[in-house]
């Protein structure tokens, strides 16, 4: 049974300067919010997540992060966390990198899922609004966001192995076709 992924993202927020804002759904879905841990915890956070079953996110397109880890949370959904040297964290749920559909736009930034993975290491929840350059101190209400389950899930590894085998057989056939008696 295919299940969409549902999450909640901040909508109406209060900042540390006392002001409030209703964040546009489009900007929240583009990833304007970042989590934060103190810089001195960045390496410990990476090790903590690895002990919780996260693995280095390979393959992955680097965005300047110090660490990039991922873990399947419920097939086919994967939590991908990027940890930057300055303590900021970006997280998203996406189709697992085991499938071609990982390359699609079936992903959503997340806040609370990532925090739940490290709150036993660092119990403070810090959210930074990149667009307004302000710290959020209260979330008043949320958007409920659903990411649709892909209609198909195509694992890429068997296809890649088959393609490599075909290429190797082709190279061997080519090499064998070039066998000849040496000229004297």
C-alpha atoms as a PDB file:
ATOM      1  CA  UNK A   1       0.000   0.000   0.000  1.00  0.00           C
ATOM      2  CA  UNK A   2       1.520   3.315  -1.021  1.00  0.00           C
ATOM      3  CA  UNK A   3       1.548   5.970   1.669  1.00  0.00           C
ATOM      4  CA  UNK A   4       2.098   9.670   1.185  1.00  0.00           C
ATOM      5  CA  UNK A   5       4.489  11.310   3.626  1.00  0.00           C
ATOM      6  CA  UNK A   6       2.825  13.880   5.890  1.00  0.00           C
ATOM      7  CA  UNK A   7       4.694  16.445   7.980  1.00  0.00           C
ATOM      8  CA  UNK A   8       4.073  19.738   9.732  1.00  0.00           C
ATOM      9  CA  UNK A   9       6.005  22.945   9.099  1.00  0.00           C
ATOM     10  CA  UNK A  10       5.796  26.264  10.948  1.00  0.00           C
ATOM     11  CA  UNK A  11       3.245  28.719   9.546  1.00  0.00           C
ATOM     12  CA  UNK A  12       2.681  31.495  12.079  1.00  0.00           C
ATOM     13  CA  UNK A  13       5.761  32.243  14.148  1.00  0.00           C
ATOM     14  CA  UNK A  14       7.064  34.665  16.736  1.00  0.00           C
ATOM     15  CA  UNK A  15      10.633  35.922  16.532  1.00  0.00           C
ATOM     16  CA  UNK A  16      13.112  36.767  19.278  1.00  0.00           C
ATOM     17  CA  UNK A  17      12.494  40.494  18.701  1.00  0.00           C
ATOM     18  CA  UNK A  18       8.785  40.063  19.581  1.00  0.00           C
ATOM     19  CA  UNK A  19       7.481  40.391  16.017  1.00  0.00           C
ATOM     20  CA  UNK A  20       5.223  37.812  14.376  1.00  0.00           C
ATOM     21  CA  UNK A  21       4.894  36.600  10.810  1.00  0.00           C
ATOM     22  CA  UNK A  22       2.819  34.251   8.732  1.00  0.00           C
ATOM     23  CA  UNK A  23       5.323  32.424   6.576  1.00  0.00           C
ATOM     24  CA  UNK A  24       4.234  31.795   2.991  1.00  0.00           C
ATOM     25  CA  UNK A  25       3.827  28.095   2.306  1.00  0.00           C
ATOM     26  CA  UNK A  26       6.005  28.402  -0.820  1.00  0.00           C
ATOM     27  CA  UNK A  27       8.971  29.830   1.117  1.00  0.00           C
ATOM     28  CA  UNK A  28       8.680  27.198   3.830  1.00  0.00           C
ATOM     29  CA  UNK A  29       8.583  24.468   1.174  1.00  0.00           C
ATOM     30  CA  UNK A  30      11.691  25.974  -0.455  1.00  0.00           C
ATOM     31  CA  UNK A  31      13.508  25.429   2.839  1.00  0.00           C
ATOM     32  CA  UNK A  32      13.804  28.855   4.479  1.00  0.00           C
ATOM     33  CA  UNK A  33      14.035  27.352   7.977  1.00  0.00           C
ATOM     34  CA  UNK A  34      17.172  25.859   9.520  1.00  0.00           C
ATOM     35  CA  UNK A  35      17.788  24.001  12.735  1.00  0.00           C
ATOM     36  CA  UNK A  36      20.821  24.882  14.832  1.00  0.00           C
ATOM     37  CA  UNK A  37      23.107  23.235  17.366  1.00  0.00           C
ATOM     38  CA  UNK A  38      26.169  24.889  18.935  1.00  0.00           C
ATOM     39  CA  UNK A  39      29.282  24.565  16.758  1.00  0.00           C
ATOM     40  CA  UNK A  40      31.102  22.534  19.386  1.00  0.00           C
ATOM     41  CA  UNK A  41      28.461  19.785  18.996  1.00  0.00           C
ATOM     42  CA  UNK A  42      28.692  19.371  15.207  1.00  0.00           C
ATOM     43  CA  UNK A  43      31.103  16.414  15.266  1.00  0.00           C
ATOM     44  CA  UNK A  44      29.306  14.783  18.206  1.00  0.00           C
ATOM     45  CA  UNK A  45      25.978  15.200  16.398  1.00  0.00           C
ATOM     46  CA  UNK A  46      27.369  13.390  13.357  1.00  0.00           C
ATOM     47  CA  UNK A  47      28.608  10.484  15.509  1.00  0.00           C
ATOM     48  CA  UNK A  48      25.299  10.441  17.410  1.00  0.00           C
ATOM     49  CA  UNK A  49      23.285  10.139  14.189  1.00  0.00           C
ATOM     50  CA  UNK A  50      25.592   7.397  12.890  1.00  0.00           C
ATOM     51  CA  UNK A  51      24.947   5.409  16.102  1.00  0.00           C
ATOM     52  CA  UNK A  52      21.206   5.857  15.464  1.00  0.00           C
ATOM     53  CA  UNK A  53      21.469   4.124  12.079  1.00  0.00           C
ATOM     54  CA  UNK A  54      22.202   7.054   9.768  1.00  0.00           C
ATOM     55  CA  UNK A  55      24.764   6.475   7.027  1.00  0.00           C
ATOM     56  CA  UNK A  56      26.747   8.878   4.902  1.00  0.00           C
ATOM     57  CA  UNK A  57      24.407  10.082   2.169  1.00  0.00           C
ATOM     58  CA  UNK A  58      26.058   8.691  -0.955  1.00  0.00           C
ATOM     59  CA  UNK A  59      25.463   9.640  -3.691  1.00  0.00           C
ATOM     60  CA  UNK A  60      24.592  13.215  -2.767  1.00  0.00           C
ATOM     61  CA  UNK A  61      25.075  16.645  -4.313  1.00  0.00           C
ATOM     62  CA  UNK A  62      27.211  18.641  -1.843  1.00  0.00           C
ATOM     63  CA  UNK A  63      25.928  22.048  -0.718  1.00  0.00           C
ATOM     64  CA  UNK A  64      28.913  23.007   1.456  1.00  0.00           C
ATOM     65  CA  UNK A  65      27.920  20.881   4.439  1.00  0.00           C
ATOM     66  CA  UNK A  66      30.454  19.208   6.715  1.00  0.00           C
ATOM     67  CA  UNK A  67      28.348  16.053   7.064  1.00  0.00           C
ATOM     68  CA  UNK A  68      25.513  14.608   5.016  1.00  0.00           C
ATOM     69  CA  UNK A  69      23.698  11.599   6.455  1.00  0.00           C
ATOM     70  CA  UNK A  70      20.499   9.749   5.658  1.00  0.00           C
ATOM     71  CA  UNK A  71      18.315   6.970   6.982  1.00  0.00           C
ATOM     72  CA  UNK A  72      15.232   5.235   5.629  1.00  0.00           C
ATOM     73  CA  UNK A  73      12.469   6.108   8.087  1.00  0.00           C
ATOM     74  CA  UNK A  74       9.613   4.230   6.403  1.00  0.00           C
ATOM     75  CA  UNK A  75       9.954   2.693   2.959  1.00  0.00           C
ATOM     76  CA  UNK A  76      10.391   4.444   0.558  1.00  0.00           C
ATOM     77  CA  UNK A  77      10.918   7.639   2.606  1.00  0.00           C
ATOM     78  CA  UNK A  78      14.379   8.686   3.719  1.00  0.00           C
ATOM     79  CA  UNK A  79      15.405  11.441   6.145  1.00  0.00           C
ATOM     80  CA  UNK A  80      18.407  13.356   4.765  1.00  0.00           C
ATOM     81  CA  UNK A  81      20.234  15.648   7.203  1.00  0.00           C
ATOM     82  CA  UNK A  82      22.968  18.093   6.179  1.00  0.00           C
ATOM     83  CA  UNK A  83      25.088  19.424   9.048  1.00  0.00           C
ATOM     84  CA  UNK A  84      27.156  22.543   8.442  1.00  0.00           C
ATOM     85  CA  UNK A  85      30.340  23.469  10.314  1.00  0.00           C
ATOM     86  CA  UNK A  86      28.642  26.611  11.709  1.00  0.00           C
ATOM     87  CA  UNK A  87      26.009  24.465  13.473  1.00  0.00           C
ATOM     88  CA  UNK A  88      23.139  24.982  11.050  1.00  0.00           C
ATOM     89  CA  UNK A  89      21.195  21.950   9.893  1.00  0.00           C
ATOM     90  CA  UNK A  90      19.040  21.384   6.807  1.00  0.00           C
ATOM     91  CA  UNK A  91      16.792  18.343   6.710  1.00  0.00           C
ATOM     92  CA  UNK A  92      14.373  16.894   4.217  1.00  0.00           C
ATOM     93  CA  UNK A  93      12.340  13.765   3.664  1.00  0.00           C
ATOM     94  CA  UNK A  94      12.688  12.360   0.174  1.00  0.00           C
ATOM     95  CA  UNK A  95      12.290   9.155  -1.776  1.00  0.00           C
ATOM     96  CA  UNK A  96      15.153   6.827  -0.842  1.00  0.00           C
ATOM     97  CA  UNK A  97      18.331   7.165  -2.883  1.00  0.00           C
ATOM     98  CA  UNK A  98      17.949   3.446  -3.671  1.00  0.00           C
ATOM     99  CA  UNK A  99      15.377   4.398  -6.331  1.00  0.00           C
ATOM    100  CA  UNK A 100      15.522   6.470  -9.513  1.00  0.00           C
ATOM    101  CA  UNK A 101      12.588   8.466  -8.142  1.00  0.00           C
ATOM    102  CA  UNK A 102      15.030   9.999  -5.620  1.00  0.00           C
ATOM    103  CA  UNK A 103      15.952  12.363  -8.447  1.00  0.00           C
ATOM    104  CA  UNK A 104      12.375  13.672  -8.641  1.00  0.00           C
ATOM    105  CA  UNK A 105      10.889  16.561  -6.722  1.00  0.00           C
ATOM    106  CA  UNK A 106       9.215  14.235  -4.214  1.00  0.00           C
ATOM    107  CA  UNK A 107      10.849  15.787  -1.160  1.00  0.00           C
ATOM    108  CA  UNK A 108       9.914  18.190   1.592  1.00  0.00           C
ATOM    109  CA  UNK A 109      12.005  20.130   4.107  1.00  0.00           C
ATOM    110  CA  UNK A 110      11.406  18.990   7.678  1.00  0.00           C
ATOM    111  CA  UNK A 111      12.092  20.389  11.127  1.00  0.00           C
ATOM    112  CA  UNK A 112      10.640  18.152  13.806  1.00  0.00           C
ATOM    113  CA  UNK A 113      11.735  14.804  12.333  1.00  0.00           C
ATOM    114  CA  UNK A 114      15.397  15.857  12.394  1.00  0.00           C
ATOM    115  CA  UNK A 115      15.108  17.364  15.876  1.00  0.00           C
ATOM    116  CA  UNK A 116      13.626  14.101  17.194  1.00  0.00           C
ATOM    117  CA  UNK A 117      16.763  12.307  15.977  1.00  0.00           C
ATOM    118  CA  UNK A 118      19.135  14.426  18.056  1.00  0.00           C
ATOM    119  CA  UNK A 119      17.144  15.827  20.956  1.00  0.00           C
ATOM    120  CA  UNK A 120      18.598  13.228  23.338  1.00  0.00           C
ATOM    121  CA  UNK A 121      22.028  14.723  22.515  1.00  0.00           C
ATOM    122  CA  UNK A 122      20.916  18.379  22.518  1.00  0.00           C
ATOM    123  CA  UNK A 123      17.458  19.108  23.896  1.00  0.00           C
ATOM    124  CA  UNK A 124      17.118  22.722  22.734  1.00  0.00           C
ATOM    125  CA  UNK A 125      15.079  23.379  19.584  1.00  0.00           C
ATOM    126  CA  UNK A 126      16.511  26.346  17.681  1.00  0.00           C
ATOM    127  CA  UNK A 127      14.887  27.372  14.381  1.00  0.00           C
ATOM    128  CA  UNK A 128      16.357  30.133  12.226  1.00  0.00           C
ATOM    129  CA  UNK A 129      14.438  31.913   9.452  1.00  0.00           C
ATOM    130  CA  UNK A 130      17.014  32.446   6.717  1.00  0.00           C
ATOM    131  CA  UNK A 131      14.854  34.887   4.741  1.00  0.00           C
ATOM    132  CA  UNK A 132      14.237  37.267   7.643  1.00  0.00           C
ATOM    133  CA  UNK A 133      17.507  36.524   9.453  1.00  0.00           C
ATOM    134  CA  UNK A 134      15.692  36.020  12.737  1.00  0.00           C
ATOM    135  CA  UNK A 135      15.397  33.304  15.382  1.00  0.00           C
ATOM    136  CA  UNK A 136      11.966  31.781  15.907  1.00  0.00           C
ATOM    137  CA  UNK A 137      11.028  31.528  19.584  1.00  0.00           C
ATOM    138  CA  UNK A 138       7.443  30.296  19.225  1.00  0.00           C
ATOM    139  CA  UNK A 139       5.469  28.424  16.582  1.00  0.00           C
ATOM    140  CA  UNK A 140       1.805  29.356  16.811  1.00  0.00           C
ATOM    141  CA  UNK A 141       0.410  27.130  14.064  1.00  0.00           C
ATOM    142  CA  UNK A 142       1.559  24.848  11.256  1.00  0.00           C
ATOM    143  CA  UNK A 143       1.077  23.876   7.653  1.00  0.00           C
ATOM    144  CA  UNK A 144       0.245  20.226   7.108  1.00  0.00           C
ATOM    145  CA  UNK A 145       2.176  19.111   4.057  1.00  0.00           C
ATOM    146  CA  UNK A 146       1.861  15.812   2.196  1.00  0.00           C
ATOM    147  CA  UNK A 147       4.356  14.469  -0.325  1.00  0.00           C
ATOM    148  CA  UNK A 148       2.780  12.028  -2.734  1.00  0.00           C
ATOM    149  CA  UNK A 149       4.102   8.509  -2.905  1.00  0.00           C
ATOM    150  CA  UNK A 150       5.589   7.783  -6.351  1.00  0.00           C
ATOM    151  CA  UNK A 151       3.432   5.721  -8.690  1.00  0.00           C
ATOM    152  CA  UNK A 152       6.443   3.503  -9.388  1.00  0.00           C
ATOM    153  CA  UNK A 153       9.654   2.702  -7.533  1.00  0.00           C
ATOM    154  CA  UNK A 154      12.527   1.621  -9.746  1.00  0.00           C
ATOM    155  CA  UNK A 155      15.665   0.418  -7.952  1.00  0.00           C
ATOM    156  CA  UNK A 156      18.734   1.725  -9.775  1.00  0.00           C
ATOM    157  CA  UNK A 157      21.382  -0.772  -8.545  1.00  0.00           C
ATOM    158  CA  UNK A 158      20.171  -3.834 -10.531  1.00  0.00           C
ATOM    159  CA  UNK A 159      19.944  -1.694 -13.665  1.00  0.00           C
ATOM    160  CA  UNK A 160      23.440  -0.283 -13.099  1.00  0.00           C
ATOM    161  CA  UNK A 161      24.908  -3.766 -12.504  1.00  0.00           C
ATOM    162  CA  UNK A 162      23.252  -5.053 -15.685  1.00  0.00           C
ATOM    163  CA  UNK A 163      24.568  -2.085 -17.690  1.00  0.00           C
ATOM    164  CA  UNK A 164      28.110  -2.626 -16.371  1.00  0.00           C
ATOM    165  CA  UNK A 165      27.933  -6.336 -17.205  1.00  0.00           C
ATOM    166  CA  UNK A 166      26.745  -5.569 -20.736  1.00  0.00           C
ATOM    167  CA  UNK A 167      29.570  -3.040 -21.147  1.00  0.00           C
ATOM    168  CA  UNK A 168      32.192  -5.525 -19.896  1.00  0.00           C
ATOM    169  CA  UNK A 169      30.898  -8.255 -22.233  1.00  0.00           C
ATOM    170  CA  UNK A 170      30.982  -5.746 -25.099  1.00  0.00           C
ATOM    171  CA  UNK A 171      34.577  -4.760 -24.301  1.00  0.00           C
ATOM    172  CA  UNK A 172      35.645  -8.408 -24.101  1.00  0.00           C
ATOM    173  CA  UNK A 173      33.912  -9.169 -27.417  1.00  0.00           C
ATOM    174  CA  UNK A 174      35.639  -6.159 -28.993  1.00  0.00           C
ATOM    175  CA  UNK A 175      39.027  -7.231 -27.619  1.00  0.00           C
ATOM    176  CA  UNK A 176      38.525 -10.795 -28.867  1.00  0.00           C
ATOM    177  CA  UNK A 177      37.585  -9.521 -32.317  1.00  0.00           C
ATOM    178  CA  UNK A 178      40.976  -7.793 -32.513  1.00  0.00           C
ATOM    179  CA  UNK A 179      42.972 -11.037 -31.971  1.00  0.00           C
ATOM    180  CA  UNK A 180      45.326 -11.786 -34.808  1.00  0.00           C
ATOM    181  CA  UNK A 181      48.567 -13.567 -35.622  1.00  0.00           C
ATOM    182  CA  UNK A 182      51.621 -11.349 -35.216  1.00  0.00           C
ATOM    183  CA  UNK A 183      53.341 -10.222 -38.399  1.00  0.00           C
ATOM    184  CA  UNK A 184      56.975 -11.115 -38.796  1.00  0.00           C
END
